[in-house]
Amino acid sequence: MTGLQKGLVGFAVVAVLGSAAAFSLRGASARGASVRMADIDRRDLVASVTASGNIRARSSVDISSDVLARVDDLLVREGEDVSAGDILLRLDRTQLEAARARAQAGVSQARAQASQQGATLTRERREYDRIRGLWVRDSLLVSRQQVDDAETNLEVARANMDVAEYGVQVAEASLEEAEDRLRQTVFRAPIDGRVTRLNVEEGETVVVGTMNNPGSLVLTISDLSVVEVVVQMDETDVPRLALGDSAKIDIDAFPDRSFSARVTEIGNSAIRPPSQNASSGQQQAIDFEVVLTLDPTDADLRPDLSATAEIITDVRPDAVAVPIIALTVRDDTTAVSDPGTTAEIEGVFVVTDGMARFRTVTVGVAGDEYFEVLSGLEPGERVVSGPYQTIRTLSDGDPVQLDEGPAADAEAN
């Protein structure tokens, strides 16, 4: 066989193979994309939102000191249960007892001055009565000037008596303040609960807070008989919540169990207002605080534990359901809209005579894997449920072929 003959034979083989490949591609294109199907049936759907937060006691008291003194006697430890009225710790009283002694001496001094002024007032009153009596009987015995001077001295004595009495009140108030500060050296539990935070040791000095500087937080007592979960919820989820909604709580410290709770508070304003975010120059997420109260439990829960709340916002028993993956959107060619804008409608694809047909549906609540169908589908119908990329590019009237393999059967079930 000559070289020319071999070239012609090779060209013929390539042409045959190319024709076969083209025919095969045309056949595959005619058969359409391979799709999976799912049955429309009734399911119990549960809509929920999820948020993270922390555990806290509903009732918690932070105890600070109102006096500057050294811790002299610490009677509790962190984690210890206490009852209302129990003594928690005592501060050193030396300086405060000296201040009380000074205040007591001040009271005694003020009272003595008041007694002295009382005697002076009595003397001036008698002198005024004597001089005025003489002037009334015979104006030649005393002058009018003497009467006026006696009256003036009496008024001065009365004013000095008032000053002395006010001085007694000031001294008594100082004594009461000193005694109150002395009482504040003994810390008692304000509520029944547990010492969940202890920030001092014996020998340390507690600091009094001011307007700009917080004082020493001595300890915290929490009533753990009622425990709450505080979570941050995105602004888009808050309208779906209602007081009393039930929730499932997962706590990181208890990985093998879940807890039940109910929504008891929904914040009315953002945790961090937008006005505070403006200074940063960045758009920050707007979150609201949501409080859930845990149902009674025997678990040894502690404040600040990390928790995740799945809040049930809606329940639809026996609802017509469509797989979420089957739902898609397409341009609404029938809608009248402004130039340059395109309206979209939600729907699914059904298969009729080997071709995909887009059907508009109206959906309600969303579960984990299914949407509630309000209109457009009935139980027993079948819809295209995959692959995802195929559904995205599928158009009304496109030919399709059903994928009846094991993967399709598994997804349909």
Protein backbone atom coordinates (compact mmCIF):
# COMPACT_ATOMS: atom_id res chain seq x y z
CA MET A 1 0.00 0.00 0.00
CA THR A 2 1.40 3.32 -1.07
CA GLY A 3 1.74 6.32 1.23
CA LEU A 4 -1.11 8.09 -0.52
CA GLN A 5 -3.36 5.09 -0.03
CA LYS A 6 -2.48 4.94 3.67
CA GLY A 7 -3.31 8.67 4.05
CA LEU A 8 -6.69 8.21 2.40
CA VAL A 9 -7.51 5.27 4.67
CA GLY A 10 -6.53 7.27 7.79
CA PHE A 11 -8.63 10.20 6.68
CA ALA A 12 -11.61 7.91 6.16
CA VAL A 13 -11.24 6.43 9.67
CA VAL A 14 -11.08 9.90 11.24
CA ALA A 15 -14.14 11.02 9.30
CA VAL A 16 -16.11 7.93 10.40
CA LEU A 17 -15.14 8.41 14.03
CA GLY A 18 -15.96 12.14 13.90
CA SER A 19 -19.35 11.42 12.37
CA ALA A 20 -20.05 8.82 15.07
CA ALA A 21 -19.07 11.25 17.83
CA ALA A 22 -21.21 14.02 16.36
CA PHE A 23 -24.15 11.64 16.03
CA SER A 24 -23.66 10.57 19.63
CA LEU A 25 -23.60 14.18 20.86
CA ARG A 26 -26.69 15.02 18.86
CA GLY A 27 -28.40 12.02 20.38
CA ALA A 28 -27.41 13.01 23.90
CA SER A 29 -28.55 16.58 23.25
CA ALA A 30 -31.85 15.31 21.95
CA ARG A 31 -32.35 13.18 25.04
CA GLY A 32 -31.64 16.22 27.28
CA ALA A 33 -29.98 16.73 30.65
CA SER A 34 -30.05 13.95 33.22
CA VAL A 35 -32.18 14.95 36.24
CA ARG A 36 -33.33 13.41 39.48
CA MET A 37 -36.94 13.46 40.62
CA ALA A 38 -38.61 13.70 44.02
CA ASP A 39 -42.19 12.96 45.08
CA ILE A 40 -44.38 15.65 46.60
CA ASP A 41 -45.90 14.37 49.81
CA ARG A 42 -47.00 15.57 53.24
CA ARG A 43 -44.53 16.13 56.06
CA ASP A 44 -44.37 17.70 59.50
CA LEU A 45 -42.34 20.89 59.05
CA VAL A 46 -40.63 22.83 61.82
CA ALA A 47 -39.22 26.32 61.18
CA SER A 48 -36.48 27.52 63.50
CA VAL A 49 -33.72 30.08 63.98
CA THR A 50 -30.40 29.48 65.67
CA ALA A 51 -28.27 31.81 67.77
CA SER A 52 -25.37 31.54 70.19
CA GLY A 53 -24.92 33.03 73.64
CA ASN A 54 -24.18 32.27 77.26
CA ILE A 55 -25.77 30.97 80.43
CA ARG A 56 -26.62 33.38 83.26
CA ALA A 57 -28.64 33.34 86.47
CA ARG A 58 -31.89 35.30 86.35
CA SER A 59 -31.07 36.88 89.70
CA SER A 60 -27.48 37.89 90.29
CA VAL A 61 -26.00 40.47 92.69
CA ASP A 62 -22.58 42.09 92.31
CA ILE A 63 -21.28 43.21 95.69
CA SER A 64 -18.83 46.11 95.92
CA SER A 65 -17.39 47.97 98.86
CA ASP A 66 -18.51 51.42 100.02
CA VAL A 67 -15.49 51.84 102.28
CA LEU A 68 -11.75 51.70 101.73
CA ALA A 69 -10.33 49.03 104.02
CA ARG A 70 -8.35 45.80 104.16
CA VAL A 71 -10.07 42.38 104.06
CA ASP A 72 -9.64 41.10 107.60
CA ASP A 73 -11.72 37.92 107.60
CA LEU A 74 -12.92 36.04 104.47
CA LEU A 75 -15.58 33.48 105.37
CA VAL A 76 -16.65 32.06 101.97
CA ARG A 77 -15.09 30.43 98.94
CA GLU A 78 -16.09 30.59 95.28
CA GLY A 79 -18.75 28.01 94.47
CA GLU A 80 -20.12 27.93 98.02
CA ASP A 81 -23.87 28.13 98.61
CA VAL A 82 -25.04 30.86 101.00
CA SER A 83 -28.33 32.01 102.51
CA ALA A 84 -29.61 35.57 102.76
CA GLY A 85 -28.10 37.22 105.83
CA ASP A 86 -25.01 34.99 106.04
CA ILE A 87 -21.78 36.87 106.82
CA LEU A 88 -19.46 36.68 103.82
CA LEU A 89 -16.44 38.70 104.94
CA ARG A 90 -15.30 41.42 107.33
CA LEU A 91 -13.07 44.41 106.67
CA ASP A 92 -10.57 45.93 109.07
CA ARG A 93 -12.44 48.32 111.44
CA THR A 94 -9.57 50.14 113.12
CA GLN A 95 -9.73 53.44 111.25
CA LEU A 96 -13.51 53.45 111.07
CA GLU A 97 -13.85 52.83 114.80
CA ALA A 98 -11.55 55.80 115.42
CA ALA A 99 -13.74 57.88 113.11
CA ARG A 100 -16.80 56.83 115.09
CA ALA A 101 -15.10 57.81 118.36
CA ARG A 102 -14.33 61.25 116.90
CA ALA A 103 -17.93 61.60 115.79
CA GLN A 104 -19.19 60.63 119.26
CA ALA A 105 -16.89 63.24 120.81
CA GLY A 106 -18.20 65.78 118.31
CA VAL A 107 -21.77 65.06 119.42
CA SER A 108 -20.83 65.54 123.08
CA GLN A 109 -19.09 68.80 122.26
CA ALA A 110 -22.02 70.10 120.24
CA ARG A 111 -24.47 69.24 123.01
CA ALA A 112 -22.30 71.01 125.60
CA GLN A 113 -22.17 74.11 123.39
CA ALA A 114 -25.92 73.96 123.03
CA SER A 115 -26.31 73.80 126.83
CA GLN A 116 -23.99 76.79 127.19
CA GLN A 117 -25.96 78.77 124.66
CA GLY A 118 -29.16 77.76 126.43
CA ALA A 119 -27.87 79.26 129.67
CA THR A 120 -26.82 82.43 127.87
CA LEU A 121 -30.27 82.72 126.31
CA THR A 122 -31.91 82.37 129.73
CA ARG A 123 -29.68 85.09 131.17
CA GLU A 124 -30.36 87.49 128.31
CA ARG A 125 -34.09 86.89 128.55
CA ARG A 126 -34.08 87.70 132.27
CA GLU A 127 -31.99 90.81 131.69
CA TYR A 128 -34.36 92.01 129.00
CA ASP A 129 -37.41 91.38 131.20
CA ARG A 130 -35.80 93.30 134.11
CA ILE A 131 -34.80 96.34 132.08
CA ARG A 132 -38.11 96.51 130.23
CA GLY A 133 -39.99 96.22 133.53
CA LEU A 134 -38.08 99.16 134.97
CA TRP A 135 -38.68 101.21 131.82
CA VAL A 136 -42.40 100.50 131.95
CA ARG A 137 -42.67 101.55 135.63
CA ASP A 138 -40.55 104.66 135.26
CA SER A 139 -38.92 105.71 132.05
CA LEU A 140 -36.50 107.88 134.00
CA LEU A 141 -34.88 104.86 135.68
CA VAL A 142 -33.58 103.38 132.40
CA SER A 143 -33.19 104.82 128.97
CA ARG A 144 -34.78 103.63 125.79
CA GLN A 145 -31.32 102.75 124.49
CA GLN A 146 -30.80 100.30 127.36
CA VAL A 147 -34.09 98.57 126.53
CA ASP A 148 -33.12 98.28 122.85
CA ASP A 149 -29.68 96.90 123.73
CA ALA A 150 -31.21 94.28 126.03
CA GLU A 151 -33.62 93.24 123.29
CA THR A 152 -30.77 92.97 120.76
CA ASN A 153 -28.73 90.83 123.14
CA LEU A 154 -31.73 88.56 123.56
CA GLU A 155 -32.12 88.12 119.79
CA VAL A 156 -28.40 87.35 119.44
CA ALA A 157 -28.67 84.73 122.18
CA ARG A 158 -31.63 83.14 120.44
CA ALA A 159 -29.71 82.98 117.12
CA ASN A 160 -26.69 81.47 118.87
CA MET A 161 -28.99 78.90 120.42
CA ASP A 162 -30.32 77.96 116.98
CA VAL A 163 -26.73 77.60 115.70
CA ALA A 164 -25.85 75.37 118.64
CA GLU A 165 -28.89 73.16 118.03
CA TYR A 166 -28.01 72.84 114.32
CA GLY A 167 -24.49 71.94 115.38
CA VAL A 168 -25.90 69.11 117.47
CA GLN A 169 -27.84 67.83 114.44
CA VAL A 170 -24.71 67.97 112.26
CA ALA A 171 -22.66 66.12 114.86
CA GLU A 172 -25.35 63.46 115.26
CA ALA A 173 -25.53 63.01 111.47
CA SER A 174 -21.74 62.60 111.36
CA LEU A 175 -21.98 59.98 114.10
CA GLU A 176 -24.73 58.15 112.18
CA GLU A 177 -22.56 58.22 109.04
CA ALA A 178 -19.56 56.87 110.94
CA GLU A 179 -21.66 54.07 112.42
CA ASP A 180 -23.09 53.26 108.97
CA ARG A 181 -19.61 53.05 107.46
CA LEU A 182 -18.62 50.81 110.33
CA ARG A 183 -21.57 48.53 109.60
CA GLN A 184 -20.43 48.36 105.97
CA THR A 185 -17.28 46.53 107.04
CA VAL A 186 -19.44 43.42 107.47
CA PHE A 187 -20.71 41.94 104.18
CA ARG A 188 -23.88 39.84 104.33
CA ALA A 189 -25.50 37.81 101.56
CA PRO A 190 -28.44 39.80 100.10
CA ILE A 191 -30.08 36.71 98.56
CA ASP A 192 -29.98 32.93 98.69
CA GLY A 193 -27.58 31.66 96.07
CA ARG A 194 -24.07 30.63 95.18
CA VAL A 195 -20.85 32.60 95.22
CA THR A 196 -20.12 32.51 91.49
CA ARG A 197 -17.28 35.04 91.52
CA LEU A 198 -14.83 35.93 94.30
CA ASN A 199 -12.28 38.62 93.52
CA VAL A 200 -10.54 39.19 96.87
CA GLU A 201 -8.35 37.37 99.36
CA GLU A 202 -7.60 38.06 102.99
CA GLY A 203 -5.18 40.95 103.34
CA GLU A 204 -6.18 42.69 100.10
CA THR A 205 -7.54 46.22 100.18
CA VAL A 206 -10.86 46.93 98.54
CA VAL A 207 -11.25 50.23 96.70
CA VAL A 208 -14.26 52.50 96.73
CA GLY A 209 -15.71 53.39 93.33
CA THR A 210 -16.02 56.93 91.99
CA MET A 211 -17.95 58.43 89.10
CA ASN A 212 -15.20 57.70 86.58
CA ASN A 213 -13.50 54.73 88.22
CA PRO A 214 -15.39 51.63 89.28
CA GLY A 215 -14.65 50.27 92.72
CA SER A 216 -13.51 46.80 93.62
CA LEU A 217 -16.01 44.09 92.69
CA VAL A 218 -15.70 41.98 95.80
CA LEU A 219 -17.91 39.02 94.85
CA THR A 220 -21.00 37.95 92.95
CA ILE A 221 -23.89 35.86 94.29
CA SER A 222 -26.18 34.18 91.77
CA ASP A 223 -29.52 32.51 92.35
CA LEU A 224 -29.27 29.50 90.04
CA SER A 225 -32.77 28.22 90.79
CA VAL A 226 -33.83 29.94 87.54
CA VAL A 227 -31.28 29.87 84.70
CA GLU A 228 -31.44 31.86 81.49
CA VAL A 229 -29.72 31.75 78.13
CA VAL A 230 -28.89 35.13 76.61
CA VAL A 231 -28.30 35.06 72.84
CA GLN A 232 -27.66 37.63 70.13
CA MET A 233 -30.19 37.43 67.30
CA ASP A 234 -29.78 39.01 63.88
CA GLU A 235 -32.30 41.73 63.04
CA THR A 236 -33.72 39.66 60.16
CA ASP A 237 -34.72 36.84 62.53
CA VAL A 238 -36.21 38.91 65.36
CA PRO A 239 -39.63 39.52 63.66
CA ARG A 240 -40.12 35.74 63.50
CA LEU A 241 -39.88 35.37 67.29
CA ALA A 242 -42.65 35.58 69.86
CA LEU A 243 -42.73 35.34 73.62
CA GLY A 244 -43.32 31.75 74.67
CA ASP A 245 -41.63 30.16 71.64
CA SER A 246 -40.04 26.86 72.62
CA ALA A 247 -36.37 26.17 72.05
CA LYS A 248 -33.75 23.44 72.25
CA ILE A 249 -30.56 24.45 74.03
CA ASP A 250 -27.18 22.81 73.44
CA ILE A 251 -24.52 23.65 76.02
CA ASP A 252 -20.89 23.00 75.13
CA ALA A 253 -20.13 21.73 78.62
CA PHE A 254 -22.85 19.05 78.27
CA PRO A 255 -22.32 17.64 74.76
CA ASP A 256 -24.41 14.51 75.34
CA ARG A 257 -27.70 16.17 76.29
CA SER A 258 -30.03 18.95 75.26
CA PHE A 259 -32.13 21.30 77.37
CA SER A 260 -35.55 22.84 76.78
CA ALA A 261 -36.37 26.51 77.19
CA ARG A 262 -38.85 29.21 76.23
CA VAL A 263 -38.41 32.77 74.98
CA THR A 264 -39.13 35.18 77.84
CA GLU A 265 -37.60 38.46 76.62
CA ILE A 266 -37.03 40.01 73.19
CA GLY A 267 -34.93 43.17 73.01
CA ASN A 268 -36.66 46.30 71.77
CA SER A 269 -33.45 48.00 70.67
CA ALA A 270 -30.15 46.85 69.23
CA ILE A 271 -27.36 45.71 71.54
CA ARG A 272 -25.06 48.14 69.74
CA PRO A 273 -27.03 51.02 68.19
CA PRO A 274 -26.11 52.12 64.66
CA SER A 275 -25.04 55.51 66.04
CA GLN A 276 -22.19 53.80 67.87
CA ASN A 277 -21.11 52.04 64.68
CA ALA A 278 -20.96 55.25 62.65
CA SER A 279 -17.63 56.26 64.16
CA SER A 280 -15.94 53.07 62.93
CA GLY A 281 -16.80 53.82 59.30
CA GLN A 282 -17.91 50.22 58.71
CA GLN A 283 -21.36 48.72 58.45
CA GLN A 284 -21.85 46.54 61.51
CA ALA A 285 -24.42 43.80 62.01
CA ILE A 286 -27.48 44.84 64.01
CA ASP A 287 -28.16 42.28 66.73
CA PHE A 288 -30.85 42.11 69.39
CA GLU A 289 -30.69 40.42 72.77
CA VAL A 290 -33.08 37.52 73.28
CA VAL A 291 -33.50 35.83 76.67
CA LEU A 292 -34.68 32.24 77.05
CA THR A 293 -35.56 30.68 80.40
CA LEU A 294 -34.46 27.09 80.83
CA ASP A 295 -36.93 24.54 82.12
CA PRO A 296 -35.96 23.05 85.52
CA THR A 297 -33.02 20.66 85.22
CA ASP A 298 -30.76 18.65 87.50
CA ALA A 299 -27.63 19.68 85.58
CA ASP A 300 -25.02 21.65 87.49
CA LEU A 301 -25.15 24.73 85.28
CA ARG A 302 -22.87 27.69 85.82
CA PRO A 303 -22.95 31.27 84.59
CA ASP A 304 -21.04 32.14 81.40
CA LEU A 305 -21.21 28.64 79.89
CA SER A 306 -21.44 28.77 76.09
CA ALA A 307 -24.79 27.73 74.63
CA THR A 308 -26.57 27.48 71.28
CA ALA A 309 -30.32 27.97 71.06
CA GLU A 310 -32.52 26.56 68.30
CA ILE A 311 -35.78 28.48 68.65
CA ILE A 312 -38.88 26.99 67.02
CA THR A 313 -40.74 29.81 65.31
CA ASP A 314 -43.45 27.83 63.49
CA VAL A 315 -44.82 24.30 63.14
CA ARG A 316 -46.76 22.94 60.16
CA PRO A 317 -48.04 19.40 60.75
CA ASP A 318 -48.93 17.30 57.72
CA ALA A 319 -48.04 20.06 55.26
CA VAL A 320 -47.53 19.61 51.52
CA ALA A 321 -43.74 19.81 51.21
CA VAL A 322 -41.27 20.37 48.38
CA PRO A 323 -37.49 19.82 48.71
CA ILE A 324 -35.63 23.08 49.14
CA ILE A 325 -33.18 22.06 46.39
CA ALA A 326 -36.07 21.78 43.90
CA LEU A 327 -37.18 25.39 44.36
CA THR A 328 -35.67 27.92 41.96
CA VAL A 329 -36.41 31.39 40.58
CA ARG A 330 -36.92 32.56 37.03
CA ASP A 331 -37.65 35.90 35.37
CA ASP A 332 -41.35 36.73 35.25
CA THR A 333 -41.93 37.64 31.61
CA THR A 334 -45.60 38.43 32.26
CA ALA A 335 -45.00 41.05 34.93
CA VAL A 336 -45.12 44.73 34.10
CA SER A 337 -42.09 46.38 35.66
CA ASP A 338 -39.99 49.49 35.31
CA PRO A 339 -37.51 49.54 32.40
CA GLY A 340 -34.23 48.01 33.40
CA THR A 341 -35.70 45.85 36.20
CA THR A 342 -36.68 42.21 36.14
CA ALA A 343 -39.29 40.57 38.34
CA GLU A 344 -38.65 37.05 39.58
CA ILE A 345 -41.00 34.25 40.50
CA GLU A 346 -40.44 31.08 42.50
CA GLY A 347 -41.25 27.72 41.09
CA VAL A 348 -40.22 24.14 40.30
CA PHE A 349 -39.77 22.01 37.21
CA VAL A 350 -42.05 19.09 36.45
CA VAL A 351 -41.44 16.67 33.58
CA THR A 352 -44.07 16.22 30.89
CA ASP A 353 -43.41 14.08 27.80
CA GLY A 354 -39.68 14.20 28.41
CA MET A 355 -39.54 17.98 28.72
CA ALA A 356 -39.07 20.20 31.80
CA ARG A 357 -41.98 22.53 32.47
CA PHE A 358 -41.62 25.44 34.89
CA ARG A 359 -44.50 25.77 37.34
CA THR A 360 -45.00 28.68 39.72
CA VAL A 361 -45.49 27.74 43.37
CA THR A 362 -46.17 29.66 46.55
CA VAL A 363 -44.27 28.52 49.62
CA GLY A 364 -44.69 29.11 53.36
CA VAL A 365 -42.44 28.18 56.25
CA ALA A 366 -39.06 26.59 55.67
CA GLY A 367 -37.93 23.48 57.49
CA ASP A 368 -34.44 22.02 57.45
CA GLU A 369 -34.80 20.39 54.02
CA TYR A 370 -38.31 21.21 52.79
CA PHE A 371 -40.54 24.20 52.08
CA GLU A 372 -44.25 24.25 52.87
CA VAL A 373 -46.25 24.47 49.63
CA LEU A 374 -49.22 26.83 49.80
CA SER A 375 -50.23 26.54 46.15
CA GLY A 376 -49.00 25.13 42.84
CA LEU A 377 -48.36 21.48 43.77
CA GLU A 378 -50.34 18.55 45.11
CA PRO A 379 -49.25 15.36 46.90
CA GLY A 380 -48.27 12.61 44.47
CA GLU A 381 -46.74 14.89 41.86
CA ARG A 382 -43.04 14.68 41.03
CA VAL A 383 -40.59 17.54 40.59
CA VAL A 384 -37.00 17.86 39.42
CA SER A 385 -34.81 17.75 42.52
CA GLY A 386 -31.29 17.77 41.13
CA PRO A 387 -28.55 18.08 40.30
CA TYR A 388 -28.40 21.64 41.65
CA GLN A 389 -26.37 23.00 38.74
CA THR A 390 -28.80 21.50 36.24
CA ILE A 391 -31.80 23.12 37.94
CA ARG A 392 -30.02 26.49 37.86
CA THR A 393 -29.55 26.36 34.08
CA LEU A 394 -32.75 24.51 33.11
CA SER A 395 -35.31 26.38 31.03
CA ASP A 396 -38.96 25.75 30.35
CA GLY A 397 -39.32 23.25 27.50
CA ASP A 398 -35.81 21.79 27.74
CA PRO A 399 -35.65 18.02 27.10
CA VAL A 400 -34.56 15.96 30.09
CA GLN A 401 -33.94 12.34 30.88
CA LEU A 402 -34.63 10.77 34.25
CA ASP A 403 -31.75 9.48 36.31
CA GLU A 404 -33.14 6.33 37.91
CA GLY A 405 -29.87 5.27 39.54
CA PRO A 406 -29.40 4.46 43.23
CA ALA A 407 -28.41 8.05 44.06
CA ALA A 408 -31.68 9.32 42.63
CA ASP A 409 -33.69 6.74 44.56
CA ALA A 410 -31.90 7.66 47.77
CA GLU A 411 -32.55 11.37 47.30
CA ALA A 412 -36.19 10.82 46.41
CA ASN A 413 -36.64 8.88 49.64
